Every structure is written in C-alpha cells, then in structure tokens.
C-alpha cells in the first residue's frame, strides 16, 4: 500500500502545482527551461503511474462494504461515459458546451464508478484520491482561469469520429485491464 500512496502523492503534487501555485511553476520553468520542465513532468508522471500500478498490484484487498449487484452494471456504464467525456479533450465536441474540463470530469466519473464497483481498501485509497484530485483541480483551474469561454460547436462528422475513437479506446482498455490491474472486468 505504501507504493500506491507514494504514487498518488507524487501524482497529486505534480499535477496540482500548475493550478495551485502557477508562480512556482513559472519559477521552475524559468530556471530549467520549458523543455526541461516538460521532460521532468513526463518522467514524474510515468514514475507516479508505475508506483500506482505496482502499489495497487502489491496491496492486499480487504473488502469493506457491499453494494447491490446492479451497481456493477451502472458502474460500467459510467466508465464508458467517462471515456467518452475524457476523449473530448482531444477533439471538438458538443459536450464541451456543458463541460469545461472534460479530462478532469472524465477522471471524476471514472473514479466514482470504480468506487461503486470495487469495495476494498486499496480501491478506496486509489479512486477516492483520484476523485478528490480531479474535483480540486477543476476548482483551482476555474479560479486561476476566470470566466469560461465555450468553444464553437463542431460538425457532426467530427463529433461521430471522436465518439468512435473514444469507444475503440474504451474497448482496448477493457481488454488490457486484467493485465494492468490483475482484475478481470467480466
């Protein structure tokens, strides 16, 4: 569990830095240069993900509570929705008329859905941390960036192409999920 927590702390601190302390980020960029900062960011993100995955796989799952069986199906539907919302980060979408931060909103939905489906200690640590981080990030970014200017509405071809890509990515993650987490979906 220690590796999992260390990975989450590293993830949380480094991802929250630009929105919580933009002056500190700028100071680091000024000292290191933009490319060096981005390189460090990439390395720290990969390290945090590795710590999270290995920490997850190395932790013993102690079940804490039980929910009705239908919540598993609802959770899977929410994960699909999370992938679609998250995917709109990469392309113009009508969803962006209603969701200012699709990537963070997608992570929030994903984390909440996993809390519905995984009822053990390591899941609560991982998914509640990610949910809190995503919501806090939305609040901090909104405070930093001010008023929201909604993007233009795309054509239907762009919308449908993006949806198809999000669905393909979802299927790929369903297939590789057991290899990353050690937990089969079905």
C-alpha atoms as a PDB file:
ATOM      1  CA  UNK A   1       0.000   0.000   0.000  1.00  0.00           C
ATOM      2  CA  UNK A   2       2.982   2.327   0.587  1.00  0.00           C
ATOM      3  CA  UNK A   3       3.913   2.363  -3.118  1.00  0.00           C
ATOM      4  CA  UNK A   4       0.304   3.151  -4.036  1.00  0.00           C
ATOM      5  CA  UNK A   5       0.183   6.070  -1.609  1.00  0.00           C
ATOM      6  CA  UNK A   6       3.612   7.342  -2.739  1.00  0.00           C
ATOM      7  CA  UNK A   7       2.476   7.246  -6.372  1.00  0.00           C
ATOM      8  CA  UNK A   8      -0.733   9.098  -5.534  1.00  0.00           C
ATOM      9  CA  UNK A   9       1.123  11.774  -3.563  1.00  0.00           C
ATOM     10  CA  UNK A  10       3.573  12.305  -6.426  1.00  0.00           C
ATOM     11  CA  UNK A  11       0.684  12.432  -8.933  1.00  0.00           C
ATOM     12  CA  UNK A  12      -1.329  14.813  -6.769  1.00  0.00           C
ATOM     13  CA  UNK A  13       1.526  17.220  -6.000  1.00  0.00           C
ATOM     14  CA  UNK A  14       2.898  17.447  -9.505  1.00  0.00           C
ATOM     15  CA  UNK A  15      -0.481  17.697 -11.239  1.00  0.00           C
ATOM     16  CA  UNK A  16      -1.814  20.264  -8.782  1.00  0.00           C
ATOM     17  CA  UNK A  17       1.269  22.516  -8.929  1.00  0.00           C
ATOM     18  CA  UNK A  18       0.355  24.419 -12.138  1.00  0.00           C
ATOM     19  CA  UNK A  19      -3.120  25.353 -10.901  1.00  0.00           C
ATOM     20  CA  UNK A  20      -2.395  25.784  -7.172  1.00  0.00           C
ATOM     21  CA  UNK A  21       0.961  27.565  -7.497  1.00  0.00           C
ATOM     22  CA  UNK A  22       1.364  28.986 -11.028  1.00  0.00           C
ATOM     23  CA  UNK A  23       4.122  31.356  -9.856  1.00  0.00           C
ATOM     24  CA  UNK A  24       6.189  28.419  -8.564  1.00  0.00           C
ATOM     25  CA  UNK A  25       5.687  26.594 -11.852  1.00  0.00           C
ATOM     26  CA  UNK A  26       6.852  29.666 -13.771  1.00  0.00           C
ATOM     27  CA  UNK A  27       9.882  29.956 -11.490  1.00  0.00           C
ATOM     28  CA  UNK A  28      10.803  26.325 -12.204  1.00  0.00           C
ATOM     29  CA  UNK A  29      10.312  26.842 -15.949  1.00  0.00           C
ATOM     30  CA  UNK A  30      12.486  29.971 -15.746  1.00  0.00           C
ATOM     31  CA  UNK A  31      15.288  28.047 -14.053  1.00  0.00           C
ATOM     32  CA  UNK A  32      15.064  24.831 -16.072  1.00  0.00           C
ATOM     33  CA  UNK A  33      13.617  25.965 -19.370  1.00  0.00           C
ATOM     34  CA  UNK A  34      10.271  24.883 -20.832  1.00  0.00           C
ATOM     35  CA  UNK A  35      11.534  21.668 -22.453  1.00  0.00           C
ATOM     36  CA  UNK A  36      13.424  20.509 -19.357  1.00  0.00           C
ATOM     37  CA  UNK A  37      10.345  21.188 -17.206  1.00  0.00           C
ATOM     38  CA  UNK A  38       8.133  19.220 -19.603  1.00  0.00           C
ATOM     39  CA  UNK A  39      10.682  16.393 -19.633  1.00  0.00           C
ATOM     40  CA  UNK A  40      10.734  16.310 -15.836  1.00  0.00           C
ATOM     41  CA  UNK A  41       6.943  16.382 -15.805  1.00  0.00           C
ATOM     42  CA  UNK A  42       6.756  13.409 -18.157  1.00  0.00           C
ATOM     43  CA  UNK A  43       9.236  11.410 -16.077  1.00  0.00           C
ATOM     44  CA  UNK A  44       7.456  12.196 -12.793  1.00  0.00           C
ATOM     45  CA  UNK A  45       4.063  11.298 -14.278  1.00  0.00           C
ATOM     46  CA  UNK A  46       5.417   7.965 -15.542  1.00  0.00           C
ATOM     47  CA  UNK A  47       7.060   7.263 -12.177  1.00  0.00           C
ATOM     48  CA  UNK A  48       3.837   8.100 -10.329  1.00  0.00           C
ATOM     49  CA  UNK A  49       1.829   5.825 -12.653  1.00  0.00           C
ATOM     50  CA  UNK A  50       4.335   2.992 -12.178  1.00  0.00           C
ATOM     51  CA  UNK A  51       4.161   3.426  -8.390  1.00  0.00           C
ATOM     52  CA  UNK A  52       0.362   3.440  -8.527  1.00  0.00           C
ATOM     53  CA  UNK A  53       0.178   0.295 -10.681  1.00  0.00           C
ATOM     54  CA  UNK A  54       2.808  -1.644  -8.726  1.00  0.00           C
ATOM     55  CA  UNK A  55       1.415  -0.376  -5.433  1.00  0.00           C
ATOM     56  CA  UNK A  56      -2.076  -1.460  -6.459  1.00  0.00           C
ATOM     57  CA  UNK A  57      -0.952  -4.896  -7.576  1.00  0.00           C
ATOM     58  CA  UNK A  58       1.178  -5.394  -4.470  1.00  0.00           C
ATOM     59  CA  UNK A  59      -1.542  -4.400  -1.993  1.00  0.00           C
ATOM     60  CA  UNK A  60      -3.850  -6.847  -0.296  1.00  0.00           C
ATOM     61  CA  UNK A  61      -7.505  -6.069  -0.926  1.00  0.00           C
ATOM     62  CA  UNK A  62      -9.630  -6.059   2.235  1.00  0.00           C
ATOM     63  CA  UNK A  63     -13.332  -5.756   1.416  1.00  0.00           C
ATOM     64  CA  UNK A  64     -15.119  -3.119   3.460  1.00  0.00           C
ATOM     65  CA  UNK A  65     -18.684  -2.880   2.211  1.00  0.00           C
ATOM     66  CA  UNK A  66     -21.146  -4.326  -0.288  1.00  0.00           C
ATOM     67  CA  UNK A  67     -23.490  -2.627  -2.714  1.00  0.00           C
ATOM     68  CA  UNK A  68     -26.413  -4.126  -4.634  1.00  0.00           C
ATOM     69  CA  UNK A  69     -25.374  -6.115  -7.743  1.00  0.00           C
ATOM     70  CA  UNK A  70     -26.940  -3.619 -10.189  1.00  0.00           C
ATOM     71  CA  UNK A  71     -24.324  -1.025  -9.189  1.00  0.00           C
ATOM     72  CA  UNK A  72     -21.700  -3.025 -11.111  1.00  0.00           C
ATOM     73  CA  UNK A  73     -23.654  -2.525 -14.365  1.00  0.00           C
ATOM     74  CA  UNK A  74     -24.253   1.129 -13.557  1.00  0.00           C
ATOM     75  CA  UNK A  75     -20.541   1.483 -12.803  1.00  0.00           C
ATOM     76  CA  UNK A  76     -19.568   0.009 -16.182  1.00  0.00           C
ATOM     77  CA  UNK A  77     -21.945   2.424 -17.926  1.00  0.00           C
ATOM     78  CA  UNK A  78     -20.374   5.325 -16.020  1.00  0.00           C
ATOM     79  CA  UNK A  79     -16.875   4.189 -17.038  1.00  0.00           C
ATOM     80  CA  UNK A  80     -17.982   4.191 -20.685  1.00  0.00           C
ATOM     81  CA  UNK A  81     -19.389   7.702 -20.236  1.00  0.00           C
ATOM     82  CA  UNK A  82     -16.130   8.742 -18.553  1.00  0.00           C
ATOM     83  CA  UNK A  83     -14.136   7.549 -21.582  1.00  0.00           C
ATOM     84  CA  UNK A  84     -16.399   9.482 -23.938  1.00  0.00           C
ATOM     85  CA  UNK A  85     -16.188  12.684 -21.867  1.00  0.00           C
ATOM     86  CA  UNK A  86     -12.419  12.285 -21.349  1.00  0.00           C
ATOM     87  CA  UNK A  87     -11.952  11.722 -25.080  1.00  0.00           C
ATOM     88  CA  UNK A  88     -13.471  15.085 -25.946  1.00  0.00           C
ATOM     89  CA  UNK A  89     -10.291  16.662 -24.626  1.00  0.00           C
ATOM     90  CA  UNK A  90      -8.686  15.696 -27.951  1.00  0.00           C
ATOM     91  CA  UNK A  91     -11.363  16.871 -30.380  1.00  0.00           C
ATOM     92  CA  UNK A  92     -14.148  19.466 -30.733  1.00  0.00           C
ATOM     93  CA  UNK A  93     -17.398  18.215 -29.220  1.00  0.00           C
ATOM     94  CA  UNK A  94     -20.825  19.400 -28.186  1.00  0.00           C
ATOM     95  CA  UNK A  95     -20.017  18.020 -24.737  1.00  0.00           C
ATOM     96  CA  UNK A  96     -17.636  20.966 -24.314  1.00  0.00           C
ATOM     97  CA  UNK A  97     -20.665  23.267 -24.384  1.00  0.00           C
ATOM     98  CA  UNK A  98     -21.602  21.821 -20.971  1.00  0.00           C
ATOM     99  CA  UNK A  99     -18.318  20.523 -19.530  1.00  0.00           C
ATOM    100  CA  UNK A 100     -15.463  22.992 -19.082  1.00  0.00           C
ATOM    101  CA  UNK A 101     -12.859  20.384 -18.116  1.00  0.00           C
ATOM    102  CA  UNK A 102     -13.688  17.151 -19.947  1.00  0.00           C
ATOM    103  CA  UNK A 103     -10.476  15.368 -18.967  1.00  0.00           C
ATOM    104  CA  UNK A 104     -10.888  16.053 -15.242  1.00  0.00           C
ATOM    105  CA  UNK A 105     -14.632  15.419 -15.408  1.00  0.00           C
ATOM    106  CA  UNK A 106     -13.939  12.088 -17.119  1.00  0.00           C
ATOM    107  CA  UNK A 107     -11.484  11.163 -14.353  1.00  0.00           C
ATOM    108  CA  UNK A 108     -14.101  12.127 -11.740  1.00  0.00           C
ATOM    109  CA  UNK A 109     -16.762   9.938 -13.337  1.00  0.00           C
ATOM    110  CA  UNK A 110     -14.253   7.074 -13.771  1.00  0.00           C
ATOM    111  CA  UNK A 111     -13.147   7.277 -10.119  1.00  0.00           C
ATOM    112  CA  UNK A 112     -16.727   7.453  -8.808  1.00  0.00           C
ATOM    113  CA  UNK A 113     -17.727   4.461 -10.946  1.00  0.00           C
ATOM    114  CA  UNK A 114     -14.797   2.439  -9.654  1.00  0.00           C
ATOM    115  CA  UNK A 115     -15.773   3.267  -6.065  1.00  0.00           C
ATOM    116  CA  UNK A 116     -19.178   1.739  -6.868  1.00  0.00           C
ATOM    117  CA  UNK A 117     -17.669  -1.449  -8.269  1.00  0.00           C
ATOM    118  CA  UNK A 118     -14.578  -2.028  -6.107  1.00  0.00           C
ATOM    119  CA  UNK A 119     -15.382  -2.300  -2.458  1.00  0.00           C
ATOM    120  CA  UNK A 120     -11.954  -2.804  -0.902  1.00  0.00           C
ATOM    121  CA  UNK A 121      -9.335  -0.724   0.907  1.00  0.00           C
ATOM    122  CA  UNK A 122      -6.899  -0.262  -1.967  1.00  0.00           C
ATOM    123  CA  UNK A 123      -9.738   0.818  -4.264  1.00  0.00           C
ATOM    124  CA  UNK A 124     -10.976   3.357  -1.764  1.00  0.00           C
ATOM    125  CA  UNK A 125      -7.446   4.768  -1.410  1.00  0.00           C
ATOM    126  CA  UNK A 126      -6.857   4.940  -5.187  1.00  0.00           C
ATOM    127  CA  UNK A 127     -10.224   6.050  -6.510  1.00  0.00           C
ATOM    128  CA  UNK A 128     -11.196   8.439  -3.726  1.00  0.00           C
ATOM    129  CA  UNK A 129      -7.782  10.119  -4.078  1.00  0.00           C
ATOM    130  CA  UNK A 130      -8.238  10.483  -7.837  1.00  0.00           C
ATOM    131  CA  UNK A 131     -11.784  11.794  -7.364  1.00  0.00           C
ATOM    132  CA  UNK A 132     -10.658  14.400  -4.820  1.00  0.00           C
ATOM    133  CA  UNK A 133      -7.696  15.408  -7.020  1.00  0.00           C
ATOM    134  CA  UNK A 134      -9.871  15.836 -10.127  1.00  0.00           C
ATOM    135  CA  UNK A 135     -12.521  17.908  -8.341  1.00  0.00           C
ATOM    136  CA  UNK A 136      -9.903  20.040  -6.585  1.00  0.00           C
ATOM    137  CA  UNK A 137      -8.135  20.593  -9.908  1.00  0.00           C
ATOM    138  CA  UNK A 138     -11.371  21.748 -11.546  1.00  0.00           C
ATOM    139  CA  UNK A 139     -11.945  24.257  -8.734  1.00  0.00           C
ATOM    140  CA  UNK A 140      -8.340  25.552  -8.807  1.00  0.00           C
ATOM    141  CA  UNK A 141      -8.212  25.853 -12.601  1.00  0.00           C
ATOM    142  CA  UNK A 142     -11.556  27.667 -12.684  1.00  0.00           C
ATOM    143  CA  UNK A 143     -10.266  30.088 -10.054  1.00  0.00           C
ATOM    144  CA  UNK A 144      -6.997  30.619 -11.943  1.00  0.00           C
ATOM    145  CA  UNK A 145      -8.505  30.968 -15.435  1.00  0.00           C
ATOM    146  CA  UNK A 146     -11.609  33.032 -14.649  1.00  0.00           C
ATOM    147  CA  UNK A 147     -14.604  33.201 -16.949  1.00  0.00           C
ATOM    148  CA  UNK A 148     -15.307  30.242 -19.219  1.00  0.00           C
ATOM    149  CA  UNK A 149     -15.404  30.890 -22.953  1.00  0.00           C
ATOM    150  CA  UNK A 150     -17.228  27.999 -24.599  1.00  0.00           C
ATOM    151  CA  UNK A 151     -15.716  26.596 -27.797  1.00  0.00           C
ATOM    152  CA  UNK A 152     -17.567  26.527 -31.092  1.00  0.00           C
ATOM    153  CA  UNK A 153     -19.854  23.616 -31.923  1.00  0.00           C
ATOM    154  CA  UNK A 154     -18.252  21.108 -34.329  1.00  0.00           C
ATOM    155  CA  UNK A 155     -19.821  19.402 -37.310  1.00  0.00           C
ATOM    156  CA  UNK A 156     -21.476  16.016 -36.831  1.00  0.00           C
ATOM    157  CA  UNK A 157     -18.701  14.170 -38.713  1.00  0.00           C
ATOM    158  CA  UNK A 158     -16.107  15.403 -36.198  1.00  0.00           C
ATOM    159  CA  UNK A 159     -18.401  14.514 -33.304  1.00  0.00           C
ATOM    160  CA  UNK A 160     -19.060  10.981 -34.552  1.00  0.00           C
ATOM    161  CA  UNK A 161     -15.399  10.333 -35.415  1.00  0.00           C
ATOM    162  CA  UNK A 162     -14.379  11.391 -31.899  1.00  0.00           C
ATOM    163  CA  UNK A 163     -17.069   9.200 -30.350  1.00  0.00           C
ATOM    164  CA  UNK A 164     -15.879   6.185 -32.359  1.00  0.00           C
ATOM    165  CA  UNK A 165     -12.281   6.782 -31.278  1.00  0.00           C
ATOM    166  CA  UNK A 166     -13.379   7.029 -27.631  1.00  0.00           C
ATOM    167  CA  UNK A 167     -15.300   3.748 -27.954  1.00  0.00           C
ATOM    168  CA  UNK A 168     -12.288   1.992 -29.515  1.00  0.00           C
ATOM    169  CA  UNK A 169     -10.039   3.248 -26.697  1.00  0.00           C
ATOM    170  CA  UNK A 170     -12.625   2.016 -24.170  1.00  0.00           C
ATOM    171  CA  UNK A 171     -12.617  -1.476 -25.739  1.00  0.00           C
ATOM    172  CA  UNK A 172      -8.803  -1.546 -25.713  1.00  0.00           C
ATOM    173  CA  UNK A 173      -8.788  -0.676 -22.009  1.00  0.00           C
ATOM    174  CA  UNK A 174     -11.386  -3.355 -21.283  1.00  0.00           C
ATOM    175  CA  UNK A 175      -9.101  -5.904 -22.982  1.00  0.00           C
ATOM    176  CA  UNK A 176      -5.865  -4.802 -21.254  1.00  0.00           C
ATOM    177  CA  UNK A 177      -7.456  -4.077 -17.840  1.00  0.00           C
ATOM    178  CA  UNK A 178      -6.669  -7.530 -16.364  1.00  0.00           C
ATOM    179  CA  UNK A 179      -3.010  -7.230 -17.396  1.00  0.00           C
ATOM    180  CA  UNK A 180      -2.563  -3.813 -15.782  1.00  0.00           C
ATOM    181  CA  UNK A 181      -4.626  -4.274 -12.630  1.00  0.00           C
ATOM    182  CA  UNK A 182      -4.768  -8.041 -12.221  1.00  0.00           C
ATOM    183  CA  UNK A 183      -8.562  -7.653 -12.067  1.00  0.00           C
ATOM    184  CA  UNK A 184     -10.728  -9.101 -14.821  1.00  0.00           C
ATOM    185  CA  UNK A 185     -13.702  -6.953 -15.778  1.00  0.00           C
ATOM    186  CA  UNK A 186     -16.062  -9.822 -16.543  1.00  0.00           C
END
